[in-house]
């Protein structure tokens, strides 16, 4: 599942007419790059949640055939359901097994094929706390359990999740963090650290940083 329903208000005029997932990095948009890389990793059944400018996203990606993938859309209406609510809403499209979730607005070269639950309800990819989020999100124990503190790591917006993590949750707007915190308290989440390419494209300045990284690494050829 690619999370693409947000409006991207921090982008200002850049997203007044274009949804943030369709902002470009070289020859591809953020969203197109994710679809291509997921398909290259063998994930050819992809769900994209949509709200703001949903028609533009669906027109840009279509059925996914050009990546030899099948894309289905989880439509949330005019008001996004937030991350937790969006995943709950999309569960009927995601099947009964574990599924990978990635934020549309991150640039990364993470290898999605490596994600494994290993008996947990979820495994989160963690990165060193970036300058814009110095307080971090989670700690990580020696046995790979995610713990509440010290918050030395930031959630990268990449995970593999078991549908059981959302069991019993009613439809409607809902953030993801309380769901994750509950699982952390039960010792049910695992984590892994990642030191490769990762940029949270949340502001115009970080969009320019992501574009520079793509150019410098020759990823826009």
N, C-alpha and C. Protein backbone atom coordinates (compact mmCIF):
# COMPACT_ATOMS: atom_id res chain seq x y z
N UNK A 1 0.85 -1.19 0.00
CA UNK A 1 0.00 0.00 0.00
C UNK A 1 0.88 1.23 0.00
N UNK A 2 0.55 2.18 -0.88
CA UNK A 2 1.22 3.47 -0.91
C UNK A 2 0.25 4.51 -0.37
N UNK A 3 0.70 5.25 0.65
CA UNK A 3 -0.15 6.26 1.29
C UNK A 3 -0.03 7.57 0.52
N UNK A 4 -1.11 7.93 -0.18
CA UNK A 4 -1.05 9.09 -1.08
C UNK A 4 -2.26 10.00 -0.93
N UNK A 5 -2.94 9.95 0.22
CA UNK A 5 -4.20 10.69 0.34
C UNK A 5 -4.04 12.09 0.92
N UNK A 6 -2.86 12.41 1.46
CA UNK A 6 -2.70 13.71 2.12
C UNK A 6 -2.69 14.88 1.16
N UNK A 7 -3.01 16.05 1.68
CA UNK A 7 -3.07 17.25 0.84
C UNK A 7 -1.71 17.90 0.65
N UNK A 8 -0.80 17.76 1.60
CA UNK A 8 0.52 18.37 1.46
C UNK A 8 0.50 19.86 1.63
N UNK A 9 -0.21 20.35 2.65
CA UNK A 9 -0.38 21.79 2.81
C UNK A 9 0.94 22.52 3.08
N UNK A 10 1.93 21.83 3.68
CA UNK A 10 3.20 22.51 3.95
C UNK A 10 3.96 22.84 2.68
N UNK A 11 3.53 22.28 1.55
CA UNK A 11 4.19 22.57 0.28
C UNK A 11 3.71 23.89 -0.34
N UNK A 12 2.71 24.52 0.27
CA UNK A 12 2.24 25.80 -0.22
C UNK A 12 1.67 25.73 -1.63
N UNK A 13 2.12 26.65 -2.49
CA UNK A 13 1.58 26.74 -3.85
C UNK A 13 1.91 25.52 -4.71
N UNK A 14 2.95 24.78 -4.33
CA UNK A 14 3.34 23.61 -5.12
C UNK A 14 2.23 22.58 -5.19
N UNK A 15 1.41 22.51 -4.15
CA UNK A 15 0.34 21.51 -4.14
C UNK A 15 -1.05 22.15 -4.26
N UNK A 16 -1.09 23.42 -4.67
CA UNK A 16 -2.39 24.07 -4.86
C UNK A 16 -3.20 23.38 -5.95
N UNK A 17 -2.51 22.85 -6.96
CA UNK A 17 -3.19 22.15 -8.05
C UNK A 17 -2.66 20.74 -8.27
N UNK A 18 -1.48 20.47 -7.77
CA UNK A 18 -0.86 19.15 -7.96
C UNK A 18 -0.75 18.45 -6.62
N UNK A 19 -1.26 17.23 -6.49
CA UNK A 19 -1.08 16.51 -5.22
C UNK A 19 0.39 16.21 -4.97
N UNK A 20 0.80 16.27 -3.71
CA UNK A 20 2.22 16.10 -3.38
C UNK A 20 2.82 14.83 -3.97
N UNK A 21 2.12 13.68 -3.97
CA UNK A 21 2.73 12.47 -4.53
C UNK A 21 3.09 12.58 -6.01
N UNK A 22 2.52 13.57 -6.72
CA UNK A 22 2.83 13.73 -8.14
C UNK A 22 3.89 14.79 -8.39
N UNK A 23 4.46 15.38 -7.35
CA UNK A 23 5.61 16.27 -7.55
C UNK A 23 6.79 15.44 -8.07
N UNK A 24 7.55 16.02 -8.96
CA UNK A 24 8.54 15.25 -9.69
C UNK A 24 9.92 15.30 -9.07
N UNK A 25 10.64 14.18 -9.23
CA UNK A 25 12.05 14.06 -8.90
C UNK A 25 12.72 13.60 -10.19
N UNK A 26 13.25 14.52 -10.96
CA UNK A 26 13.80 14.12 -12.24
C UNK A 26 12.69 13.71 -13.20
N UNK A 27 12.84 12.53 -13.77
CA UNK A 27 11.89 12.09 -14.81
C UNK A 27 10.63 11.45 -14.25
N UNK A 28 10.57 11.23 -12.95
CA UNK A 28 9.42 10.56 -12.35
C UNK A 28 8.85 11.38 -11.21
N UNK A 29 7.58 11.16 -10.94
CA UNK A 29 7.00 11.71 -9.72
C UNK A 29 7.37 10.81 -8.55
N UNK A 30 7.19 11.33 -7.34
CA UNK A 30 7.41 10.52 -6.15
C UNK A 30 6.62 9.22 -6.24
N UNK A 31 5.36 9.33 -6.62
CA UNK A 31 4.48 8.17 -6.65
C UNK A 31 4.87 7.19 -7.74
N UNK A 32 5.21 7.68 -8.91
CA UNK A 32 5.64 6.78 -9.99
C UNK A 32 6.91 6.03 -9.61
N UNK A 33 7.82 6.72 -8.92
CA UNK A 33 9.05 6.05 -8.51
C UNK A 33 8.77 4.90 -7.54
N UNK A 34 7.85 5.13 -6.61
CA UNK A 34 7.50 4.06 -5.68
C UNK A 34 6.87 2.87 -6.41
N UNK A 35 5.95 3.14 -7.31
CA UNK A 35 5.30 2.05 -8.04
C UNK A 35 6.34 1.26 -8.82
N UNK A 36 7.23 1.95 -9.52
CA UNK A 36 8.25 1.27 -10.30
C UNK A 36 9.13 0.40 -9.42
N UNK A 37 9.60 0.96 -8.31
CA UNK A 37 10.52 0.21 -7.47
C UNK A 37 9.82 -0.95 -6.76
N UNK A 38 8.59 -0.76 -6.33
CA UNK A 38 7.85 -1.86 -5.73
C UNK A 38 7.67 -2.99 -6.75
N UNK A 39 7.33 -2.63 -7.97
CA UNK A 39 7.15 -3.66 -9.01
C UNK A 39 8.47 -4.37 -9.29
N UNK A 40 9.58 -3.62 -9.32
CA UNK A 40 10.88 -4.25 -9.53
C UNK A 40 11.23 -5.21 -8.40
N UNK A 41 10.70 -4.94 -7.20
CA UNK A 41 10.94 -5.82 -6.05
C UNK A 41 9.95 -6.97 -5.98
N UNK A 42 9.05 -7.05 -6.94
CA UNK A 42 8.11 -8.17 -6.98
C UNK A 42 6.74 -7.88 -6.40
N UNK A 43 6.51 -6.65 -5.95
CA UNK A 43 5.19 -6.28 -5.42
C UNK A 43 4.35 -5.73 -6.58
N UNK A 44 3.63 -6.60 -7.21
CA UNK A 44 2.87 -6.20 -8.40
C UNK A 44 1.39 -6.00 -8.13
N UNK A 45 0.94 -6.21 -6.90
CA UNK A 45 -0.44 -5.95 -6.51
C UNK A 45 -0.39 -4.79 -5.52
N UNK A 46 -0.74 -3.60 -5.98
CA UNK A 46 -0.50 -2.37 -5.23
C UNK A 46 -1.81 -1.64 -4.99
N UNK A 47 -2.00 -1.19 -3.75
CA UNK A 47 -3.15 -0.37 -3.37
C UNK A 47 -2.65 1.04 -3.08
N UNK A 48 -3.32 2.04 -3.65
CA UNK A 48 -2.99 3.45 -3.40
C UNK A 48 -4.22 4.11 -2.81
N UNK A 49 -4.07 4.71 -1.62
CA UNK A 49 -5.23 5.43 -1.09
C UNK A 49 -5.22 6.86 -1.62
N UNK A 50 -6.39 7.39 -1.89
CA UNK A 50 -6.51 8.70 -2.54
C UNK A 50 -7.61 9.51 -1.87
N UNK A 51 -7.42 10.82 -1.88
CA UNK A 51 -8.43 11.77 -1.41
C UNK A 51 -8.27 13.05 -2.22
N UNK A 52 -7.35 13.94 -1.78
CA UNK A 52 -7.13 15.18 -2.51
C UNK A 52 -6.60 14.89 -3.92
N UNK A 53 -7.25 15.51 -4.91
CA UNK A 53 -6.85 15.35 -6.32
C UNK A 53 -6.76 13.89 -6.71
N UNK A 54 -7.72 13.10 -6.25
CA UNK A 54 -7.71 11.66 -6.53
C UNK A 54 -7.72 11.38 -8.02
N UNK A 55 -8.48 12.15 -8.78
CA UNK A 55 -8.58 11.90 -10.22
C UNK A 55 -7.24 12.09 -10.90
N UNK A 56 -6.45 13.07 -10.45
CA UNK A 56 -5.14 13.31 -11.05
C UNK A 56 -4.20 12.14 -10.77
N UNK A 57 -4.25 11.59 -9.56
CA UNK A 57 -3.41 10.45 -9.21
C UNK A 57 -3.81 9.23 -10.03
N UNK A 58 -5.10 8.97 -10.14
CA UNK A 58 -5.56 7.81 -10.91
C UNK A 58 -5.22 7.97 -12.38
N UNK A 59 -5.30 9.19 -12.90
CA UNK A 59 -4.94 9.42 -14.30
C UNK A 59 -3.45 9.21 -14.53
N UNK A 60 -2.63 9.60 -13.56
CA UNK A 60 -1.18 9.47 -13.71
C UNK A 60 -0.72 8.02 -13.67
N UNK A 61 -1.34 7.21 -12.82
CA UNK A 61 -0.89 5.83 -12.64
C UNK A 61 -1.69 4.83 -13.47
N UNK A 62 -2.95 5.12 -13.69
CA UNK A 62 -3.80 4.19 -14.43
C UNK A 62 -3.93 2.86 -13.71
N UNK A 63 -3.92 1.80 -14.49
CA UNK A 63 -4.07 0.46 -13.93
C UNK A 63 -2.77 -0.12 -13.41
N UNK A 64 -1.66 0.57 -13.71
CA UNK A 64 -0.35 0.04 -13.35
C UNK A 64 0.27 -0.84 -14.40
N UNK A 65 -0.41 -0.99 -15.54
CA UNK A 65 0.04 -1.94 -16.56
C UNK A 65 1.43 -1.61 -17.10
N UNK A 66 1.79 -0.33 -17.14
CA UNK A 66 3.11 -0.02 -17.71
C UNK A 66 4.26 -0.45 -16.82
N UNK A 67 3.95 -0.80 -15.57
CA UNK A 67 4.96 -1.37 -14.68
C UNK A 67 4.74 -2.88 -14.48
N UNK A 68 3.85 -3.45 -15.29
CA UNK A 68 3.46 -4.86 -15.13
C UNK A 68 2.92 -5.11 -13.72
N UNK A 69 2.16 -4.15 -13.22
CA UNK A 69 1.55 -4.25 -11.90
C UNK A 69 0.05 -4.03 -12.02
N UNK A 70 -0.67 -4.35 -10.94
CA UNK A 70 -2.09 -4.05 -10.86
C UNK A 70 -2.29 -3.06 -9.72
N UNK A 71 -2.79 -1.88 -10.06
CA UNK A 71 -3.04 -0.86 -9.05
C UNK A 71 -4.54 -0.76 -8.80
N UNK A 72 -4.90 -0.80 -7.52
CA UNK A 72 -6.28 -0.52 -7.11
C UNK A 72 -6.28 0.67 -6.17
N UNK A 73 -7.36 1.40 -6.18
CA UNK A 73 -7.44 2.66 -5.44
C UNK A 73 -8.43 2.54 -4.29
N UNK A 74 -7.98 2.99 -3.12
CA UNK A 74 -8.83 3.04 -1.95
C UNK A 74 -9.28 4.48 -1.77
N UNK A 75 -10.49 4.78 -2.24
CA UNK A 75 -10.99 6.15 -2.26
C UNK A 75 -11.55 6.53 -0.90
N UNK A 76 -11.05 7.64 -0.35
CA UNK A 76 -11.45 8.08 0.99
C UNK A 76 -12.40 9.26 0.97
N UNK A 77 -12.77 9.74 -0.21
CA UNK A 77 -13.65 10.89 -0.27
C UNK A 77 -12.89 12.19 -0.10
N UNK A 78 -13.64 13.25 0.15
CA UNK A 78 -13.03 14.59 0.18
C UNK A 78 -12.16 14.82 1.40
N UNK A 79 -12.42 14.10 2.49
CA UNK A 79 -11.65 14.29 3.72
C UNK A 79 -10.80 13.06 3.98
N UNK A 80 -9.47 13.19 3.98
CA UNK A 80 -8.61 12.02 4.23
C UNK A 80 -8.88 11.40 5.59
N UNK A 81 -8.66 10.11 5.68
CA UNK A 81 -8.94 9.36 6.91
C UNK A 81 -7.73 9.26 7.83
N UNK A 82 -6.66 9.98 7.55
CA UNK A 82 -5.39 9.87 8.26
C UNK A 82 -4.79 8.48 8.01
N UNK A 83 -3.57 8.26 8.48
CA UNK A 83 -2.87 7.04 8.10
C UNK A 83 -3.55 5.79 8.65
N UNK A 84 -3.87 5.78 9.94
CA UNK A 84 -4.51 4.60 10.51
C UNK A 84 -5.86 4.33 9.91
N UNK A 85 -6.68 5.36 9.79
CA UNK A 85 -7.99 5.20 9.18
C UNK A 85 -7.92 4.79 7.73
N UNK A 86 -6.91 5.31 7.02
CA UNK A 86 -6.73 4.94 5.61
C UNK A 86 -6.39 3.48 5.44
N UNK A 87 -5.55 2.96 6.33
CA UNK A 87 -5.19 1.54 6.25
C UNK A 87 -6.40 0.68 6.58
N UNK A 88 -7.14 1.04 7.65
CA UNK A 88 -8.34 0.28 8.00
C UNK A 88 -9.32 0.26 6.82
N UNK A 89 -9.50 1.39 6.19
CA UNK A 89 -10.43 1.49 5.05
C UNK A 89 -9.98 0.61 3.89
N UNK A 90 -8.67 0.46 3.73
CA UNK A 90 -8.13 -0.29 2.59
C UNK A 90 -8.01 -1.79 2.85
N UNK A 91 -8.23 -2.24 4.08
CA UNK A 91 -8.01 -3.66 4.41
C UNK A 91 -8.73 -4.63 3.47
N UNK A 92 -9.97 -4.36 3.03
CA UNK A 92 -10.60 -5.30 2.11
C UNK A 92 -9.84 -5.49 0.79
N UNK A 93 -9.04 -4.50 0.41
CA UNK A 93 -8.25 -4.60 -0.82
C UNK A 93 -6.89 -5.24 -0.58
N UNK A 94 -6.47 -5.32 0.67
CA UNK A 94 -5.11 -5.74 0.99
C UNK A 94 -4.99 -7.24 1.26
N UNK A 95 -6.09 -7.93 1.38
CA UNK A 95 -6.03 -9.37 1.58
C UNK A 95 -5.80 -9.73 3.04
N UNK A 96 -5.66 -11.02 3.31
CA UNK A 96 -5.57 -11.48 4.68
C UNK A 96 -4.17 -11.63 5.22
N UNK A 97 -3.16 -11.42 4.40
CA UNK A 97 -1.78 -11.60 4.83
C UNK A 97 -1.07 -10.29 5.10
N UNK A 98 0.18 -10.36 5.54
CA UNK A 98 0.96 -9.14 5.78
C UNK A 98 1.11 -8.31 4.51
N UNK A 99 1.23 -7.01 4.70
CA UNK A 99 1.36 -6.10 3.55
C UNK A 99 2.39 -5.02 3.87
N UNK A 100 3.08 -4.58 2.85
CA UNK A 100 4.05 -3.50 2.96
C UNK A 100 3.31 -2.17 2.81
N UNK A 101 3.70 -1.20 3.63
CA UNK A 101 3.14 0.15 3.55
C UNK A 101 4.30 1.14 3.40
N UNK A 102 4.15 2.08 2.47
CA UNK A 102 5.18 3.10 2.29
C UNK A 102 4.51 4.45 2.07
N UNK A 103 5.03 5.48 2.71
CA UNK A 103 4.54 6.84 2.49
C UNK A 103 4.93 7.29 1.09
N UNK A 104 3.98 7.91 0.40
CA UNK A 104 4.28 8.39 -0.95
C UNK A 104 5.33 9.48 -0.95
N UNK A 105 5.43 10.22 0.15
CA UNK A 105 6.28 11.41 0.15
C UNK A 105 7.66 11.18 0.75
N UNK A 106 8.23 9.99 0.55
CA UNK A 106 9.63 9.78 0.90
C UNK A 106 10.40 9.33 -0.33
N UNK A 107 11.64 9.80 -0.42
CA UNK A 107 12.58 9.32 -1.44
C UNK A 107 13.49 8.32 -0.76
N UNK A 108 13.58 7.12 -1.31
CA UNK A 108 14.42 6.11 -0.67
C UNK A 108 14.86 5.07 -1.69
N UNK A 109 15.99 4.40 -1.36
CA UNK A 109 16.41 3.25 -2.17
C UNK A 109 16.31 1.97 -1.33
N UNK A 110 15.48 1.98 -0.31
CA UNK A 110 15.30 0.80 0.53
C UNK A 110 14.81 -0.37 -0.31
N UNK A 111 15.34 -1.57 -0.02
CA UNK A 111 14.95 -2.78 -0.75
C UNK A 111 13.75 -3.41 -0.04
N UNK A 112 12.57 -3.20 -0.58
CA UNK A 112 11.33 -3.67 0.04
C UNK A 112 11.28 -5.19 0.18
N UNK A 113 12.08 -5.90 -0.59
CA UNK A 113 12.06 -7.37 -0.54
C UNK A 113 12.59 -7.91 0.78
N UNK A 114 13.30 -7.09 1.54
CA UNK A 114 13.93 -7.58 2.76
C UNK A 114 13.00 -7.59 3.96
N UNK A 115 11.83 -7.00 3.85
CA UNK A 115 10.95 -6.85 5.01
C UNK A 115 10.35 -8.19 5.42
N UNK A 116 10.45 -8.51 6.70
CA UNK A 116 9.89 -9.73 7.27
C UNK A 116 9.26 -9.43 8.62
N UNK A 117 8.12 -10.05 8.92
CA UNK A 117 7.49 -9.87 10.22
C UNK A 117 8.21 -10.66 11.31
N UNK A 118 8.64 -11.88 11.00
CA UNK A 118 9.34 -12.73 11.98
C UNK A 118 8.55 -12.87 13.28
N UNK A 119 7.25 -13.10 13.14
CA UNK A 119 6.41 -13.35 14.30
C UNK A 119 5.83 -12.12 14.97
N UNK A 120 6.21 -10.93 14.55
CA UNK A 120 5.69 -9.70 15.13
C UNK A 120 4.41 -9.27 14.40
N UNK A 121 3.71 -8.30 14.96
CA UNK A 121 2.55 -7.73 14.28
C UNK A 121 2.96 -6.66 13.27
N UNK A 122 4.18 -6.18 13.37
CA UNK A 122 4.66 -5.19 12.43
C UNK A 122 6.16 -5.04 12.55
N UNK A 123 6.80 -4.66 11.46
CA UNK A 123 8.22 -4.32 11.47
C UNK A 123 8.35 -2.96 10.79
N UNK A 124 8.95 -2.02 11.52
CA UNK A 124 9.11 -0.67 11.03
C UNK A 124 10.56 -0.42 10.63
N UNK A 125 10.74 0.30 9.54
CA UNK A 125 12.08 0.73 9.14
C UNK A 125 12.37 2.06 9.84
N UNK A 126 13.52 2.15 10.48
CA UNK A 126 13.90 3.31 11.27
C UNK A 126 15.16 3.94 10.69
N UNK A 127 15.21 5.27 10.72
CA UNK A 127 16.38 6.00 10.24
C UNK A 127 16.89 6.90 11.36
N UNK A 128 18.17 7.30 11.31
CA UNK A 128 18.67 8.25 12.30
C UNK A 128 17.82 9.53 12.31
N UNK A 129 17.60 10.10 13.48
CA UNK A 129 16.75 11.29 13.56
C UNK A 129 17.27 12.40 12.66
N UNK A 130 16.46 12.86 11.71
CA UNK A 130 16.90 13.93 10.81
C UNK A 130 16.81 15.29 11.49
N UNK A 131 17.43 16.31 10.90
CA UNK A 131 17.43 17.64 11.52
C UNK A 131 16.03 18.19 11.79
N UNK A 132 15.06 17.86 10.91
CA UNK A 132 13.71 18.40 11.10
C UNK A 132 12.90 17.64 12.13
N UNK A 133 13.45 16.51 12.65
CA UNK A 133 12.72 15.71 13.65
C UNK A 133 13.72 15.18 14.69
N UNK A 134 14.39 16.08 15.41
CA UNK A 134 15.48 15.65 16.30
C UNK A 134 15.00 14.83 17.49
N UNK A 135 13.71 14.95 17.85
CA UNK A 135 13.21 14.22 19.01
C UNK A 135 12.93 12.76 18.75
N UNK A 136 12.91 12.36 17.47
CA UNK A 136 12.72 10.96 17.12
C UNK A 136 11.35 10.42 17.44
N UNK A 137 11.18 9.12 17.18
CA UNK A 137 9.91 8.44 17.40
C UNK A 137 9.99 7.27 18.38
N UNK A 138 11.06 6.46 18.24
CA UNK A 138 11.13 5.22 18.99
C UNK A 138 12.57 4.92 19.39
N UNK A 139 12.68 3.97 20.34
CA UNK A 139 13.96 3.34 20.62
C UNK A 139 13.96 1.94 20.05
N UNK A 140 15.12 1.30 20.05
CA UNK A 140 15.25 -0.04 19.48
C UNK A 140 16.11 -0.88 20.42
N UNK A 141 15.53 -1.98 20.92
CA UNK A 141 16.24 -2.87 21.83
C UNK A 141 17.18 -3.78 21.04
N UNK A 142 18.08 -4.43 21.75
CA UNK A 142 19.07 -5.30 21.11
C UNK A 142 18.43 -6.47 20.39
N UNK A 143 17.25 -6.90 20.83
CA UNK A 143 16.58 -8.03 20.18
C UNK A 143 15.63 -7.58 19.06
N UNK A 144 15.75 -6.34 18.62
CA UNK A 144 14.99 -5.71 17.53
C UNK A 144 13.59 -5.29 17.93
N UNK A 145 13.22 -5.44 19.21
CA UNK A 145 11.92 -4.92 19.64
C UNK A 145 11.96 -3.39 19.63
N UNK A 146 10.89 -2.79 19.15
CA UNK A 146 10.75 -1.34 19.26
C UNK A 146 10.29 -1.01 20.67
N UNK A 147 10.93 -0.02 21.27
CA UNK A 147 10.62 0.40 22.63
C UNK A 147 10.33 1.90 22.63
N UNK A 148 9.63 2.38 23.68
CA UNK A 148 9.23 3.79 23.66
C UNK A 148 10.39 4.79 23.76
N UNK A 149 11.46 4.40 24.41
CA UNK A 149 12.57 5.35 24.62
C UNK A 149 13.85 4.56 24.85
N UNK A 150 15.01 5.22 24.67
CA UNK A 150 15.18 6.60 24.20
C UNK A 150 14.85 6.72 22.71
N UNK A 151 14.31 7.83 22.31
CA UNK A 151 13.84 8.02 20.94
C UNK A 151 15.01 8.39 20.02
N UNK A 152 15.84 7.42 19.77
CA UNK A 152 17.03 7.66 18.95
C UNK A 152 16.76 7.47 17.45
N UNK A 153 15.58 6.99 17.11
CA UNK A 153 15.28 6.64 15.72
C UNK A 153 13.95 7.26 15.28
N UNK A 154 13.87 7.55 13.99
CA UNK A 154 12.67 8.11 13.37
C UNK A 154 12.06 7.07 12.44
N UNK A 155 10.74 6.91 12.52
CA UNK A 155 10.03 6.00 11.63
C UNK A 155 10.14 6.52 10.20
N UNK A 156 10.62 5.68 9.30
CA UNK A 156 10.91 6.09 7.93
C UNK A 156 9.68 6.13 7.04
N UNK A 157 8.52 5.71 7.55
CA UNK A 157 7.33 5.63 6.70
C UNK A 157 7.35 4.41 5.80
N UNK A 158 8.10 3.38 6.21
CA UNK A 158 8.19 2.11 5.49
C UNK A 158 7.99 1.00 6.51
N UNK A 159 7.10 0.06 6.23
CA UNK A 159 6.83 -1.00 7.19
C UNK A 159 6.19 -2.19 6.51
N UNK A 160 6.20 -3.30 7.23
CA UNK A 160 5.35 -4.44 6.87
C UNK A 160 4.47 -4.70 8.08
N UNK A 161 3.17 -4.85 7.84
CA UNK A 161 2.19 -4.92 8.91
C UNK A 161 1.30 -6.14 8.74
N UNK A 162 0.89 -6.69 9.88
CA UNK A 162 -0.07 -7.78 9.89
C UNK A 162 -1.47 -7.17 10.03
N UNK A 163 -2.47 -7.64 9.27
CA UNK A 163 -3.82 -7.10 9.43
C UNK A 163 -4.34 -7.21 10.86
N UNK A 164 -3.83 -8.17 11.64
CA UNK A 164 -4.28 -8.32 13.02
C UNK A 164 -3.99 -7.09 13.86
N UNK A 165 -3.03 -6.26 13.44
CA UNK A 165 -2.71 -5.04 14.15
C UNK A 165 -3.92 -4.10 14.19
N UNK A 166 -4.83 -4.24 13.22
CA UNK A 166 -5.97 -3.34 13.09
C UNK A 166 -7.30 -4.02 13.46
N UNK A 167 -7.23 -5.21 14.04
CA UNK A 167 -8.43 -5.97 14.37
C UNK A 167 -9.32 -5.18 15.33
N UNK A 168 -10.60 -5.14 15.00
CA UNK A 168 -11.58 -4.51 15.87
C UNK A 168 -11.67 -3.00 15.76
N UNK A 169 -10.87 -2.39 14.93
CA UNK A 169 -10.91 -0.93 14.80
C UNK A 169 -12.04 -0.51 13.88
N UNK A 170 -12.83 0.44 14.33
CA UNK A 170 -13.96 0.93 13.53
C UNK A 170 -13.47 1.81 12.39
N UNK A 171 -14.20 1.84 11.28
CA UNK A 171 -13.85 2.76 10.19
C UNK A 171 -13.94 4.21 10.64
N UNK A 172 -13.21 5.06 9.93
CA UNK A 172 -13.24 6.49 10.22
C UNK A 172 -11.85 7.05 10.38
N UNK A 173 -11.73 8.37 10.49
CA UNK A 173 -10.42 9.01 10.63
C UNK A 173 -9.71 8.52 11.88
N UNK A 174 -8.42 8.20 11.71
CA UNK A 174 -7.67 7.65 12.84
C UNK A 174 -6.18 7.78 12.54
N UNK A 175 -5.38 8.35 13.44
CA UNK A 175 -3.93 8.37 13.23
C UNK A 175 -3.34 6.99 13.45
N UNK A 176 -2.17 6.76 12.89
CA UNK A 176 -1.50 5.48 13.05
C UNK A 176 -0.73 5.39 14.36
N UNK A 177 -0.21 6.49 14.85
CA UNK A 177 0.69 6.44 15.99
C UNK A 177 0.10 5.75 17.22
N UNK A 178 -1.14 6.04 17.63
CA UNK A 178 -1.66 5.31 18.79
C UNK A 178 -1.74 3.80 18.59
N UNK A 179 -1.99 3.37 17.36
CA UNK A 179 -2.01 1.94 17.06
C UNK A 179 -0.62 1.35 17.26
N UNK A 180 0.37 2.04 16.76
CA UNK A 180 1.75 1.57 16.92
C UNK A 180 2.17 1.60 18.39
N UNK A 181 1.81 2.65 19.09
CA UNK A 181 2.18 2.74 20.51
C UNK A 181 1.59 1.59 21.32
N UNK A 182 0.34 1.22 21.00
CA UNK A 182 -0.27 0.09 21.70
C UNK A 182 0.47 -1.20 21.44
N UNK A 183 0.90 -1.39 20.20
CA UNK A 183 1.66 -2.60 19.87
C UNK A 183 3.04 -2.58 20.51
N UNK A 184 3.66 -1.41 20.60
CA UNK A 184 4.95 -1.29 21.28
C UNK A 184 4.80 -1.68 22.74
N UNK A 185 3.74 -1.22 23.38
CA UNK A 185 3.51 -1.54 24.80
C UNK A 185 3.35 -3.04 25.02
N UNK A 186 2.85 -3.75 24.01
CA UNK A 186 2.68 -5.20 24.11
C UNK A 186 3.92 -5.96 23.65
N UNK A 187 4.95 -5.25 23.23
CA UNK A 187 6.15 -5.90 22.72
C UNK A 187 5.94 -6.56 21.38
N UNK A 188 4.97 -6.06 20.58
CA UNK A 188 4.57 -6.73 19.35
C UNK A 188 5.13 -6.12 18.08
N UNK A 189 5.97 -5.09 18.22
CA UNK A 189 6.57 -4.47 17.04
C UNK A 189 8.07 -4.70 17.03
N UNK A 190 8.60 -4.96 15.84
CA UNK A 190 10.04 -5.08 15.63
C UNK A 190 10.48 -3.93 14.72
N UNK A 191 11.77 -3.69 14.73
CA UNK A 191 12.30 -2.62 13.91
C UNK A 191 13.63 -3.00 13.30
N UNK A 192 14.00 -2.30 12.26
CA UNK A 192 15.33 -2.43 11.66
C UNK A 192 15.78 -1.05 11.23
N UNK A 193 17.08 -0.82 11.30
CA UNK A 193 17.61 0.49 10.94
C UNK A 193 18.07 0.50 9.49
N UNK A 194 18.05 1.69 8.91
CA UNK A 194 18.41 1.85 7.51
C UNK A 194 19.28 3.09 7.37
N UNK A 195 20.42 2.93 6.71
CA UNK A 195 21.37 4.03 6.56
C UNK A 195 21.52 4.49 5.12
N UNK A 196 20.66 4.00 4.23
CA UNK A 196 20.76 4.36 2.83
C UNK A 196 20.03 5.66 2.50
N UNK A 197 19.68 5.82 1.24
CA UNK A 197 19.01 7.02 0.75
C UNK A 197 17.62 7.13 1.37
N UNK A 198 17.37 8.24 2.04
CA UNK A 198 16.04 8.51 2.61
C UNK A 198 15.88 10.00 2.83
N UNK A 199 14.86 10.57 2.22
CA UNK A 199 14.51 11.98 2.42
C UNK A 199 13.00 12.05 2.61
N UNK A 200 12.58 12.68 3.69
CA UNK A 200 11.16 12.96 3.93
C UNK A 200 10.82 14.24 3.19
N UNK A 201 10.05 14.11 2.11
CA UNK A 201 9.78 15.25 1.23
C UNK A 201 8.54 15.98 1.76
N UNK A 202 8.72 16.69 2.88
CA UNK A 202 7.58 17.30 3.53
C UNK A 202 7.45 18.80 3.35
N UNK A 203 8.48 19.44 2.82
CA UNK A 203 8.48 20.89 2.63
C UNK A 203 9.14 21.20 1.29
N UNK A 204 8.94 22.42 0.76
CA UNK A 204 9.63 22.79 -0.48
C UNK A 204 11.15 22.64 -0.38
N UNK A 205 11.71 22.95 0.78
CA UNK A 205 13.16 22.85 0.95
C UNK A 205 13.61 21.38 0.85
N UNK A 206 12.86 20.48 1.45
CA UNK A 206 13.24 19.08 1.40
C UNK A 206 12.93 18.46 0.04
N UNK A 207 11.98 19.03 -0.69
CA UNK A 207 11.77 18.60 -2.08
C UNK A 207 13.00 18.93 -2.91
N UNK A 208 13.55 20.14 -2.73
CA UNK A 208 14.76 20.51 -3.47
C UNK A 208 15.94 19.64 -3.06
N UNK A 209 16.02 19.28 -1.78
CA UNK A 209 17.07 18.37 -1.32
C UNK A 209 16.92 17.02 -2.00
N UNK A 210 15.70 16.50 -2.08
CA UNK A 210 15.47 15.21 -2.72
C UNK A 210 15.83 15.28 -4.20
N UNK A 211 15.48 16.36 -4.86
CA UNK A 211 15.82 16.51 -6.28
C UNK A 211 17.33 16.56 -6.47
N UNK A 212 18.02 17.24 -5.58
CA UNK A 212 19.48 17.30 -5.66
C UNK A 212 20.10 15.92 -5.45
N UNK A 213 19.56 15.14 -4.51
CA UNK A 213 20.08 13.81 -4.28
C UNK A 213 19.88 12.92 -5.50
N UNK A 214 18.72 13.05 -6.14
CA UNK A 214 18.45 12.27 -7.35
C UNK A 214 19.43 12.63 -8.45
N UNK A 215 19.69 13.94 -8.61
CA UNK A 215 20.65 14.36 -9.64
C UNK A 215 22.06 13.88 -9.30
N UNK A 216 22.46 14.06 -8.06
CA UNK A 216 23.83 13.72 -7.66
C UNK A 216 24.10 12.23 -7.79
N UNK A 217 23.09 11.42 -7.53
CA UNK A 217 23.24 9.96 -7.60
C UNK A 217 22.96 9.40 -9.00
N UNK A 218 22.62 10.29 -9.93
CA UNK A 218 22.35 9.84 -11.29
C UNK A 218 21.08 9.03 -11.42
N UNK A 219 20.10 9.30 -10.56
CA UNK A 219 18.86 8.51 -10.57
C UNK A 219 17.81 9.10 -11.48
N UNK A 220 18.12 10.23 -12.13
CA UNK A 220 17.12 10.86 -13.00
C UNK A 220 17.43 10.65 -14.47
N UNK A 221 18.30 9.69 -14.77
CA UNK A 221 18.66 9.44 -16.17
C UNK A 221 17.49 8.80 -16.92
